[in-house]
Amino acid sequence: MAKKKSPEPVVEGLPERPRLTNKVYLAELDRLQVELVKLQEWIRHIGLRVVVVFEGRDAAGKGGVIKTITRGISSATSRTCRLPARWSSSTGAGTTGPASSA
């Protein structure tokens, strides 16, 4: 017997959206990748710098999103790095790295 998928949570006040088929999803992903490359070229041409920060809990899907976005852009003009986790304690809320125990 196949497992039934649990229904996606409904956010109150937002209309329910139908699920995309894989074909539609991949077509839209390709279209957005082209737009991202155009944006990257425009940013390079103008001489701007852009920083994008993905913040969230571990296993929230950030890694997959970052890989999907960066697969189509030039690695010669972009860089991906991982920042250290933010730790909060009673003495160092918002500081980077674990709080020292003095």
PDB file of N, CA and C in Angstrom:
ATOM      1  N   MET A   1       0.841  -1.171   0.000  1.00  0.00           N
ATOM      2  CA  MET A   1       0.000   0.000   0.000  1.00  0.00           C
ATOM      3  C   MET A   1       0.891   1.241   0.000  1.00  0.00           C
ATOM      4  N   ALA A   2       0.657   2.164  -0.909  1.00  0.00           N
ATOM      5  CA  ALA A   2       1.459   3.384  -1.014  1.00  0.00           C
ATOM      6  C   ALA A   2       1.065   4.362   0.084  1.00  0.00           C
ATOM      7  N   LYS A   3       2.082   5.054   0.574  1.00  0.00           N
ATOM      8  CA  LYS A   3       1.819   6.059   1.594  1.00  0.00           C
ATOM      9  C   LYS A   3       1.165   7.273   0.953  1.00  0.00           C
ATOM     10  N   LYS A   4       0.198   7.835   1.638  1.00  0.00           N
ATOM     11  CA  LYS A   4      -0.409   9.071   1.164  1.00  0.00           C
ATOM     12  C   LYS A   4       0.465  10.233   1.610  1.00  0.00           C
ATOM     13  N   LYS A   5       0.624  11.196   0.707  1.00  0.00           N
ATOM     14  CA  LYS A   5       1.369  12.389   1.073  1.00  0.00           C
ATOM     15  C   LYS A   5       0.515  13.223   2.007  1.00  0.00           C
ATOM     16  N   SER A   6       1.170  13.762   3.023  1.00  0.00           N
ATOM     17  CA  SER A   6       0.431  14.633   3.918  1.00  0.00           C
ATOM     18  C   SER A   6       0.164  15.952   3.199  1.00  0.00           C
ATOM     19  N   PRO A   7      -1.001  16.519   3.417  1.00  0.00           N
ATOM     20  CA  PRO A   7      -1.314  17.772   2.730  1.00  0.00           C
ATOM     21  C   PRO A   7      -0.386  18.881   3.188  1.00  0.00           C
ATOM     22  N   GLU A   8      -0.090  19.790   2.253  1.00  0.00           N
ATOM     23  CA  GLU A   8       0.762  20.914   2.612  1.00  0.00           C
ATOM     24  C   GLU A   8      -0.001  21.824   3.557  1.00  0.00           C
ATOM     25  N   PRO A   9       0.699  22.443   4.505  1.00  0.00           N
ATOM     26  CA  PRO A   9       0.007  23.334   5.422  1.00  0.00           C
ATOM     27  C   PRO A   9      -0.563  24.545   4.678  1.00  0.00           C
ATOM     28  N   VAL A  10      -1.736  24.950   5.063  1.00  0.00           N
ATOM     29  CA  VAL A  10      -2.381  26.106   4.458  1.00  0.00           C
ATOM     30  C   VAL A  10      -2.111  27.302   5.351  1.00  0.00           C
ATOM     31  N   VAL A  11      -1.609  28.358   4.746  1.00  0.00           N
ATOM     32  CA  VAL A  11      -1.346  29.589   5.493  1.00  0.00           C
ATOM     33  C   VAL A  11      -2.622  30.409   5.464  1.00  0.00           C
ATOM     34  N   GLU A  12      -3.075  30.784   6.637  1.00  0.00           N
ATOM     35  CA  GLU A  12      -4.322  31.519   6.745  1.00  0.00           C
ATOM     36  C   GLU A  12      -4.226  32.855   6.012  1.00  0.00           C
ATOM     37  N   GLY A  13      -5.216  33.148   5.216  1.00  0.00           N
ATOM     38  CA  GLY A  13      -5.262  34.415   4.505  1.00  0.00           C
ATOM     39  C   GLY A  13      -4.656  34.370   3.111  1.00  0.00           C
ATOM     40  N   LEU A  14      -3.957  33.287   2.769  1.00  0.00           N
ATOM     41  CA  LEU A  14      -3.370  33.158   1.438  1.00  0.00           C
ATOM     42  C   LEU A  14      -4.174  32.162   0.620  1.00  0.00           C
ATOM     43  N   PRO A  15      -4.367  32.449  -0.672  1.00  0.00           N
ATOM     44  CA  PRO A  15      -5.108  31.481  -1.486  1.00  0.00           C
ATOM     45  C   PRO A  15      -4.285  30.217  -1.702  1.00  0.00           C
ATOM     46  N   GLU A  16      -4.969  29.097  -1.820  1.00  0.00           N
ATOM     47  CA  GLU A  16      -4.283  27.822  -2.051  1.00  0.00           C
ATOM     48  C   GLU A  16      -3.822  27.768  -3.501  1.00  0.00           C
ATOM     49  N   ARG A  17      -2.558  27.377  -3.720  1.00  0.00           N
ATOM     50  CA  ARG A  17      -2.006  27.301  -5.065  1.00  0.00           C
ATOM     51  C   ARG A  17      -1.888  25.848  -5.487  1.00  0.00           C
ATOM     52  N   PRO A  18      -2.191  25.558  -6.758  1.00  0.00           N
ATOM     53  CA  PRO A  18      -2.029  24.175  -7.226  1.00  0.00           C
ATOM     54  C   PRO A  18      -0.547  23.833  -7.353  1.00  0.00           C
ATOM     55  N   ARG A  19      -0.209  22.572  -7.201  1.00  0.00           N
ATOM     56  CA  ARG A  19       1.180  22.116  -7.341  1.00  0.00           C
ATOM     57  C   ARG A  19       1.606  22.194  -8.797  1.00  0.00           C
ATOM     58  N   LEU A  20       2.878  22.555  -9.010  1.00  0.00           N
ATOM     59  CA  LEU A  20       3.436  22.590 -10.362  1.00  0.00           C
ATOM     60  C   LEU A  20       3.805  21.179 -10.799  1.00  0.00           C
ATOM     61  N   THR A  21       3.625  20.909 -12.067  1.00  0.00           N
ATOM     62  CA  THR A  21       4.134  19.641 -12.588  1.00  0.00           C
ATOM     63  C   THR A  21       5.644  19.778 -12.749  1.00  0.00           C
ATOM     64  N   ASN A  22       6.345  18.675 -12.824  1.00  0.00           N
ATOM     65  CA  ASN A  22       7.792  18.712 -12.966  1.00  0.00           C
ATOM     66  C   ASN A  22       8.202  19.431 -14.251  1.00  0.00           C
ATOM     67  N   LYS A  23       7.460  19.201 -15.326  1.00  0.00           N
ATOM     68  CA  LYS A  23       7.759  19.837 -16.612  1.00  0.00           C
ATOM     69  C   LYS A  23       7.636  21.359 -16.512  1.00  0.00           C
ATOM     70  N   VAL A  24       6.571  21.835 -15.887  1.00  0.00           N
ATOM     71  CA  VAL A  24       6.360  23.280 -15.725  1.00  0.00           C
ATOM     72  C   VAL A  24       7.435  23.863 -14.809  1.00  0.00           C
ATOM     73  N   TYR A  25       7.746  23.154 -13.731  1.00  0.00           N
ATOM     74  CA  TYR A  25       8.773  23.613 -12.789  1.00  0.00           C
ATOM     75  C   TYR A  25      10.124  23.772 -13.488  1.00  0.00           C
ATOM     76  N   LEU A  26      10.535  22.766 -14.271  1.00  0.00           N
ATOM     77  CA  LEU A  26      11.836  22.825 -14.947  1.00  0.00           C
ATOM     78  C   LEU A  26      11.867  23.909 -16.014  1.00  0.00           C
ATOM     79  N   ALA A  27      10.760  24.121 -16.716  1.00  0.00           N
ATOM     80  CA  ALA A  27      10.693  25.191 -17.715  1.00  0.00           C
ATOM     81  C   ALA A  27      10.828  26.552 -17.043  1.00  0.00           C
ATOM     82  N   GLU A  28      10.143  26.739 -15.933  1.00  0.00           N
ATOM     83  CA  GLU A  28      10.231  28.014 -15.203  1.00  0.00           C
ATOM     84  C   GLU A  28      11.618  28.203 -14.611  1.00  0.00           C
ATOM     85  N   LEU A  29      12.219  27.128 -14.112  1.00  0.00           N
ATOM     86  CA  LEU A  29      13.574  27.201 -13.565  1.00  0.00           C
ATOM     87  C   LEU A  29      14.562  27.616 -14.646  1.00  0.00           C
ATOM     88  N   ASP A  30      14.446  27.046 -15.832  1.00  0.00           N
ATOM     89  CA  ASP A  30      15.321  27.433 -16.943  1.00  0.00           C
ATOM     90  C   ASP A  30      15.138  28.901 -17.311  1.00  0.00           C
ATOM     91  N   ARG A  31      13.896  29.368 -17.352  1.00  0.00           N
ATOM     92  CA  ARG A  31      13.623  30.766 -17.679  1.00  0.00           C
ATOM     93  C   ARG A  31      14.246  31.696 -16.640  1.00  0.00           C
ATOM     94  N   LEU A  32      14.107  31.333 -15.380  1.00  0.00           N
ATOM     95  CA  LEU A  32      14.668  32.162 -14.308  1.00  0.00           C
ATOM     96  C   LEU A  32      16.193  32.116 -14.303  1.00  0.00           C
ATOM     97  N   GLN A  33      16.787  30.981 -14.680  1.00  0.00           N
ATOM     98  CA  GLN A  33      18.244  30.881 -14.775  1.00  0.00           C
ATOM     99  C   GLN A  33      18.762  31.850 -15.838  1.00  0.00           C
ATOM    100  N   VAL A  34      18.070  31.938 -16.967  1.00  0.00           N
ATOM    101  CA  VAL A  34      18.465  32.870 -18.034  1.00  0.00           C
ATOM    102  C   VAL A  34      18.392  34.302 -17.512  1.00  0.00           C
ATOM    103  N   GLU A  35      17.333  34.631 -16.795  1.00  0.00           N
ATOM    104  CA  GLU A  35      17.205  35.979 -16.230  1.00  0.00           C
ATOM    105  C   GLU A  35      18.305  36.265 -15.215  1.00  0.00           C
ATOM    106  N   LEU A  36      18.680  35.255 -14.438  1.00  0.00           N
ATOM    107  CA  LEU A  36      19.744  35.427 -13.458  1.00  0.00           C
ATOM    108  C   LEU A  36      21.085  35.694 -14.135  1.00  0.00           C
ATOM    109  N   VAL A  37      21.354  35.007 -15.233  1.00  0.00           N
ATOM    110  CA  VAL A  37      22.593  35.232 -15.982  1.00  0.00           C
ATOM    111  C   VAL A  37      22.590  36.640 -16.578  1.00  0.00           C
ATOM    112  N   LYS A  38      21.444  37.082 -17.100  1.00  0.00           N
ATOM    113  CA  LYS A  38      21.334  38.449 -17.622  1.00  0.00           C
ATOM    114  C   LYS A  38      21.618  39.464 -16.514  1.00  0.00           C
ATOM    115  N   LEU A  39      21.041  39.225 -15.345  1.00  0.00           N
ATOM    116  CA  LEU A  39      21.268  40.112 -14.199  1.00  0.00           C
ATOM    117  C   LEU A  39      22.738  40.125 -13.812  1.00  0.00           C
ATOM    118  N   GLN A  40      23.364  38.952 -13.787  1.00  0.00           N
ATOM    119  CA  GLN A  40      24.777  38.862 -13.443  1.00  0.00           C
ATOM    120  C   GLN A  40      25.622  39.663 -14.431  1.00  0.00           C
ATOM    121  N   GLU A  41      25.333  39.551 -15.722  1.00  0.00           N
ATOM    122  CA  GLU A  41      26.086  40.294 -16.736  1.00  0.00           C
ATOM    123  C   GLU A  41      25.876  41.799 -16.584  1.00  0.00           C
ATOM    124  N   TRP A  42      24.650  42.221 -16.304  1.00  0.00           N
ATOM    125  CA  TRP A  42      24.364  43.646 -16.105  1.00  0.00           C
ATOM    126  C   TRP A  42      25.120  44.174 -14.884  1.00  0.00           C
ATOM    127  N   ILE A  43      25.115  43.411 -13.800  1.00  0.00           N
ATOM    128  CA  ILE A  43      25.826  43.813 -12.581  1.00  0.00           C
ATOM    129  C   ILE A  43      27.318  43.943 -12.867  1.00  0.00           C
ATOM    130  N   ARG A  44      27.876  42.994 -13.604  1.00  0.00           N
ATOM    131  CA  ARG A  44      29.298  43.039 -13.946  1.00  0.00           C
ATOM    132  C   ARG A  44      29.597  44.232 -14.844  1.00  0.00           C
ATOM    133  N   HIS A  45      28.731  44.482 -15.822  1.00  0.00           N
ATOM    134  CA  HIS A  45      28.929  45.591 -16.767  1.00  0.00           C
ATOM    135  C   HIS A  45      28.896  46.946 -16.045  1.00  0.00           C
ATOM    136  N   ILE A  46      27.967  47.118 -15.135  1.00  0.00           N
ATOM    137  CA  ILE A  46      27.830  48.372 -14.396  1.00  0.00           C
ATOM    138  C   ILE A  46      28.930  48.509 -13.337  1.00  0.00           C
ATOM    139  N   GLY A  47      29.475  47.391 -12.877  1.00  0.00           N
ATOM    140  CA  GLY A  47      30.527  47.431 -11.865  1.00  0.00           C
ATOM    141  C   GLY A  47      30.007  47.383 -10.437  1.00  0.00           C
ATOM    142  N   LEU A  48      28.823  46.849 -10.279  1.00  0.00           N
ATOM    143  CA  LEU A  48      28.239  46.749  -8.941  1.00  0.00           C
ATOM    144  C   LEU A  48      28.694  45.477  -8.246  1.00  0.00           C
ATOM    145  N   ARG A  49      28.436  45.414  -6.969  1.00  0.00           N
ATOM    146  CA  ARG A  49      28.650  44.195  -6.183  1.00  0.00           C
ATOM    147  C   ARG A  49      27.351  43.886  -5.456  1.00  0.00           C
ATOM    148  N   VAL A  50      27.036  42.618  -5.380  1.00  0.00           N
ATOM    149  CA  VAL A  50      25.784  42.194  -4.760  1.00  0.00           C
ATOM    150  C   VAL A  50      26.089  41.115  -3.740  1.00  0.00           C
ATOM    151  N   VAL A  51      25.441  41.210  -2.591  1.00  0.00           N
ATOM    152  CA  VAL A  51      25.555  40.177  -1.562  1.00  0.00           C
ATOM    153  C   VAL A  51      24.156  39.627  -1.317  1.00  0.00           C
ATOM    154  N   VAL A  52      24.044  38.302  -1.350  1.00  0.00           N
ATOM    155  CA  VAL A  52      22.782  37.629  -1.056  1.00  0.00           C
ATOM    156  C   VAL A  52      23.028  36.742   0.142  1.00  0.00           C
ATOM    157  N   VAL A  53      22.217  36.896   1.173  1.00  0.00           N
ATOM    158  CA  VAL A  53      22.377  36.109   2.397  1.00  0.00           C
ATOM    159  C   VAL A  53      21.154  35.214   2.560  1.00  0.00           C
ATOM    160  N   PHE A  54      21.392  33.916   2.699  1.00  0.00           N
ATOM    161  CA  PHE A  54      20.334  32.957   3.002  1.00  0.00           C
ATOM    162  C   PHE A  54      20.475  32.611   4.469  1.00  0.00           C
ATOM    163  N   GLU A  55      19.454  32.933   5.223  1.00  0.00           N
ATOM    164  CA  GLU A  55      19.516  32.677   6.653  1.00  0.00           C
ATOM    165  C   GLU A  55      18.387  31.720   7.013  1.00  0.00           C
ATOM    166  N   GLY A  56      18.684  30.787   7.882  1.00  0.00           N
ATOM    167  CA  GLY A  56      17.653  29.851   8.314  1.00  0.00           C
ATOM    168  C   GLY A  56      18.269  28.703   9.079  1.00  0.00           C
ATOM    169  N   ARG A  57      17.429  27.857   9.582  1.00  0.00           N
ATOM    170  CA  ARG A  57      17.878  26.706  10.366  1.00  0.00           C
ATOM    171  C   ARG A  57      18.559  25.671   9.473  1.00  0.00           C
ATOM    172  N   ASP A  58      19.362  24.824  10.100  1.00  0.00           N
ATOM    173  CA  ASP A  58      19.961  23.709   9.375  1.00  0.00           C
ATOM    174  C   ASP A  58      18.840  22.842   8.798  1.00  0.00           C
ATOM    175  N   ALA A  59      19.099  22.237   7.681  1.00  0.00           N
ATOM    176  CA  ALA A  59      18.164  21.338   7.002  1.00  0.00           C
ATOM    177  C   ALA A  59      16.888  22.056   6.561  1.00  0.00           C
ATOM    178  N   ALA A  60      16.979  23.368   6.360  1.00  0.00           N
ATOM    179  CA  ALA A  60      15.811  24.123   5.903  1.00  0.00           C
ATOM    180  C   ALA A  60      15.760  24.210   4.387  1.00  0.00           C
ATOM    181  N   GLY A  61      16.721  23.589   3.705  1.00  0.00           N
ATOM    182  CA  GLY A  61      16.718  23.599   2.252  1.00  0.00           C
ATOM    183  C   GLY A  61      17.569  24.679   1.626  1.00  0.00           C
ATOM    184  N   LYS A  62      18.324  25.401   2.439  1.00  0.00           N
ATOM    185  CA  LYS A  62      19.155  26.493   1.905  1.00  0.00           C
ATOM    186  C   LYS A  62      20.192  25.977   0.926  1.00  0.00           C
ATOM    187  N   GLY A  63      20.833  24.869   1.242  1.00  0.00           N
ATOM    188  CA  GLY A  63      21.886  24.324   0.391  1.00  0.00           C
ATOM    189  C   GLY A  63      21.378  23.978  -0.997  1.00  0.00           C
ATOM    190  N   GLY A  64      20.214  23.365  -1.064  1.00  0.00           N
ATOM    191  CA  GLY A  64      19.635  23.014  -2.351  1.00  0.00           C
ATOM    192  C   GLY A  64      19.247  24.234  -3.161  1.00  0.00           C
ATOM    193  N   VAL A  65      18.733  25.242  -2.493  1.00  0.00           N
ATOM    194  CA  VAL A  65      18.365  26.484  -3.177  1.00  0.00           C
ATOM    195  C   VAL A  65      19.610  27.173  -3.720  1.00  0.00           C
ATOM    196  N   ILE A  66      20.657  27.234  -2.915  1.00  0.00           N
ATOM    197  CA  ILE A  66      21.898  27.883  -3.346  1.00  0.00           C
ATOM    198  C   ILE A  66      22.502  27.146  -4.532  1.00  0.00           C
ATOM    199  N   LYS A  67      22.525  25.821  -4.484  1.00  0.00           N
ATOM    200  CA  LYS A  67      23.062  25.034  -5.610  1.00  0.00           C
ATOM    201  C   LYS A  67      22.240  25.259  -6.872  1.00  0.00           C
ATOM    202  N   THR A  68      20.918  25.296  -6.722  1.00  0.00           N
ATOM    203  CA  THR A  68      20.049  25.506  -7.875  1.00  0.00           C
ATOM    204  C   THR A  68      20.283  26.872  -8.502  1.00  0.00           C
ATOM    205  N   ILE A  69      20.429  27.877  -7.669  1.00  0.00           N
ATOM    206  CA  ILE A  69      20.637  29.237  -8.181  1.00  0.00           C
ATOM    207  C   ILE A  69      22.010  29.374  -8.828  1.00  0.00           C
ATOM    208  N   THR A  70      23.039  28.845  -8.184  1.00  0.00           N
ATOM    209  CA  THR A  70      24.407  29.070  -8.669  1.00  0.00           C
ATOM    210  C   THR A  70      24.824  28.147  -9.798  1.00  0.00           C
ATOM    211  N   ARG A  71      24.040  27.137 -10.121  1.00  0.00           N
ATOM    212  CA  ARG A  71      24.462  26.208 -11.175  1.00  0.00           C
ATOM    213  C   ARG A  71      24.533  26.872 -12.543  1.00  0.00           C
ATOM    214  N   GLY A  72      23.757  27.935 -12.766  1.00  0.00           N
ATOM    215  CA  GLY A  72      23.727  28.558 -14.075  1.00  0.00           C
ATOM    216  C   GLY A  72      24.536  29.828 -14.209  1.00  0.00           C
ATOM    217  N   ILE A  73      25.152  30.284 -13.122  1.00  0.00           N
ATOM    218  CA  ILE A  73      25.899  31.536 -13.220  1.00  0.00           C
ATOM    219  C   ILE A  73      27.394  31.249 -13.258  1.00  0.00           C
ATOM    220  N   SER A  74      28.127  32.203 -13.763  1.00  0.00           N
ATOM    221  CA  SER A  74      29.563  32.031 -13.958  1.00  0.00           C
ATOM    222  C   SER A  74      30.304  32.052 -12.628  1.00  0.00           C
ATOM    223  N   SER A  75      31.106  31.028 -12.390  1.00  0.00           N
ATOM    224  CA  SER A  75      31.895  30.983 -11.158  1.00  0.00           C
ATOM    225  C   SER A  75      33.076  31.954 -11.227  1.00  0.00           C
ATOM    226  N   ALA A  76      33.400  32.455 -12.429  1.00  0.00           N
ATOM    227  CA  ALA A  76      34.493  33.421 -12.566  1.00  0.00           C
ATOM    228  C   ALA A  76      34.095  34.785 -12.007  1.00  0.00           C
ATOM    229  N   THR A  77      32.799  35.069 -11.989  1.00  0.00           N
ATOM    230  CA  THR A  77      32.349  36.375 -11.508  1.00  0.00           C
ATOM    231  C   THR A  77      31.501  36.278 -10.254  1.00  0.00           C
ATOM    232  N   SER A  78      31.406  35.101  -9.664  1.00  0.00           N
ATOM    233  CA  SER A  78      30.621  34.957  -8.441  1.00  0.00           C
ATOM    234  C   SER A  78      31.368  34.094  -7.438  1.00  0.00           C
ATOM    235  N   ARG A  79      30.982  34.226  -6.199  1.00  0.00           N
ATOM    236  CA  ARG A  79      31.617  33.438  -5.144  1.00  0.00           C
ATOM    237  C   ARG A  79      30.548  33.053  -4.124  1.00  0.00           C
ATOM    238  N   THR A  80      30.619  31.839  -3.665  1.00  0.00           N
ATOM    239  CA  THR A  80      29.712  31.355  -2.631  1.00  0.00           C
ATOM    240  C   THR A  80      30.542  30.996  -1.417  1.00  0.00           C
ATOM    241  N   CYS A  81      30.128  31.477  -0.265  1.00  0.00           N
ATOM    242  CA  CYS A  81      30.863  31.125   0.958  1.00  0.00           C
ATOM    243  C   CYS A  81      29.866  30.873   2.072  1.00  0.00           C
ATOM    244  N   ARG A  82      30.329  30.145   3.056  1.00  0.00           N
ATOM    245  CA  ARG A  82      29.508  29.821   4.213  1.00  0.00           C
ATOM    246  C   ARG A  82      29.991  30.669   5.382  1.00  0.00           C
ATOM    247  N   LEU A  83      29.079  31.382   5.994  1.00  0.00           N
ATOM    248  CA  LEU A  83      29.416  32.192   7.158  1.00  0.00           C
ATOM    249  C   LEU A  83      29.255  31.357   8.420  1.00  0.00           C
ATOM    250  N   PRO A  84      30.009  31.694   9.462  1.00  0.00           N
ATOM    251  CA  PRO A  84      29.843  30.948  10.719  1.00  0.00           C
ATOM    252  C   PRO A  84      28.456  31.187  11.306  1.00  0.00           C
ATOM    253  N   ALA A  85      27.987  30.205  12.034  1.00  0.00           N
ATOM    254  CA  ALA A  85      26.670  30.299  12.655  1.00  0.00           C
ATOM    255  C   ALA A  85      26.660  31.388  13.712  1.00  0.00           C
ATOM    256  N   ARG A  86      25.515  32.030  13.837  1.00  0.00           N
ATOM    257  CA  ARG A  86      25.363  33.038  14.895  1.00  0.00           C
ATOM    258  C   ARG A  86      24.954  32.324  16.173  1.00  0.00           C
ATOM    259  N   TRP A  87      25.572  32.677  17.236  1.00  0.00           N
ATOM    260  CA  TRP A  87      25.252  32.109  18.541  1.00  0.00           C
ATOM    261  C   TRP A  87      24.691  33.233  19.391  1.00  0.00           C
ATOM    262  N   SER A  88      23.764  32.905  20.239  1.00  0.00           N
ATOM    263  CA  SER A  88      23.276  33.918  21.155  1.00  0.00           C
ATOM    264  C   SER A  88      23.378  33.373  22.575  1.00  0.00           C
ATOM    265  N   SER A  89      23.757  34.230  23.461  1.00  0.00           N
ATOM    266  CA  SER A  89      23.830  33.880  24.875  1.00  0.00           C
ATOM    267  C   SER A  89      23.385  35.096  25.666  1.00  0.00           C
ATOM    268  N   SER A  90      23.358  34.974  26.945  1.00  0.00           N
ATOM    269  CA  SER A  90      22.900  36.103  27.754  1.00  0.00           C
ATOM    270  C   SER A  90      23.872  37.280  27.659  1.00  0.00           C
ATOM    271  N   THR A  91      25.138  37.018  27.324  1.00  0.00           N
ATOM    272  CA  THR A  91      26.109  38.110  27.254  1.00  0.00           C
ATOM    273  C   THR A  91      26.456  38.521  25.833  1.00  0.00           C
ATOM    274  N   GLY A  92      26.239  37.647  24.860  1.00  0.00           N
ATOM    275  CA  GLY A  92      26.698  37.968  23.515  1.00  0.00           C
ATOM    276  C   GLY A  92      25.665  37.709  22.455  1.00  0.00           C
ATOM    277  N   ALA A  93      24.439  38.160  22.664  1.00  0.00           N
ATOM    278  CA  ALA A  93      23.383  37.935  21.679  1.00  0.00           C
ATOM    279  C   ALA A  93      23.777  38.553  20.347  1.00  0.00           C
ATOM    280  N   GLY A  94      23.683  37.749  19.306  1.00  0.00           N
ATOM    281  CA  GLY A  94      23.980  38.246  17.982  1.00  0.00           C
ATOM    282  C   GLY A  94      25.450  38.217  17.625  1.00  0.00           C
ATOM    283  N   THR A  95      26.303  37.716  18.497  1.00  0.00           N
ATOM    284  CA  THR A  95      27.722  37.656  18.173  1.00  0.00           C
ATOM    285  C   THR A  95      27.986  36.428  17.327  1.00  0.00           C
ATOM    286  N   THR A  96      29.108  36.442  16.640  1.00  0.00           N
ATOM    287  CA  THR A  96      29.474  35.304  15.810  1.00  0.00           C
ATOM    288  C   THR A  96      30.360  34.373  16.607  1.00  0.00           C
ATOM    289  N   GLY A  97      30.054  33.085  16.565  1.00  0.00           N
ATOM    290  CA  GLY A  97      30.839  32.095  17.269  1.00  0.00           C
ATOM    291  C   GLY A  97      30.281  31.828  18.653  1.00  0.00           C
ATOM    292  N   PRO A  98      30.735  30.749  19.265  1.00  0.00           N
ATOM    293  CA  PRO A  98      30.215  30.404  20.587  1.00  0.00           C
ATOM    294  C   PRO A  98      30.684  31.414  21.637  1.00  0.00           C
ATOM    295  N   ALA A  99      29.823  31.646  22.588  1.00  0.00           N
ATOM    296  CA  ALA A  99      30.177  32.563  23.681  1.00  0.00           C
ATOM    297  C   ALA A  99      31.236  31.909  24.558  1.00  0.00           C
ATOM    298  N   SER A 100      32.200  32.693  24.961  1.00  0.00           N
ATOM    299  CA  SER A 100      33.255  32.143  25.816  1.00  0.00           C
ATOM    300  C   SER A 100      32.726  31.977  27.225  1.00  0.00           C
ATOM    301  N   SER A 101      33.157  30.928  27.886  1.00  0.00           N
ATOM    302  CA  SER A 101      32.717  30.694  29.264  1.00  0.00           C
ATOM    303  C   SER A 101      33.867  31.044  30.194  1.00  0.00           C
ATOM    304  N   ALA A 102      33.866  32.279  30.638  1.00  0.00           N
ATOM    305  CA  ALA A 102      34.952  32.776  31.488  1.00  0.00           C
ATOM    306  C   ALA A 102      34.688  32.550  32.942  1.00  0.00           C
TER     307      ALA A 102
END
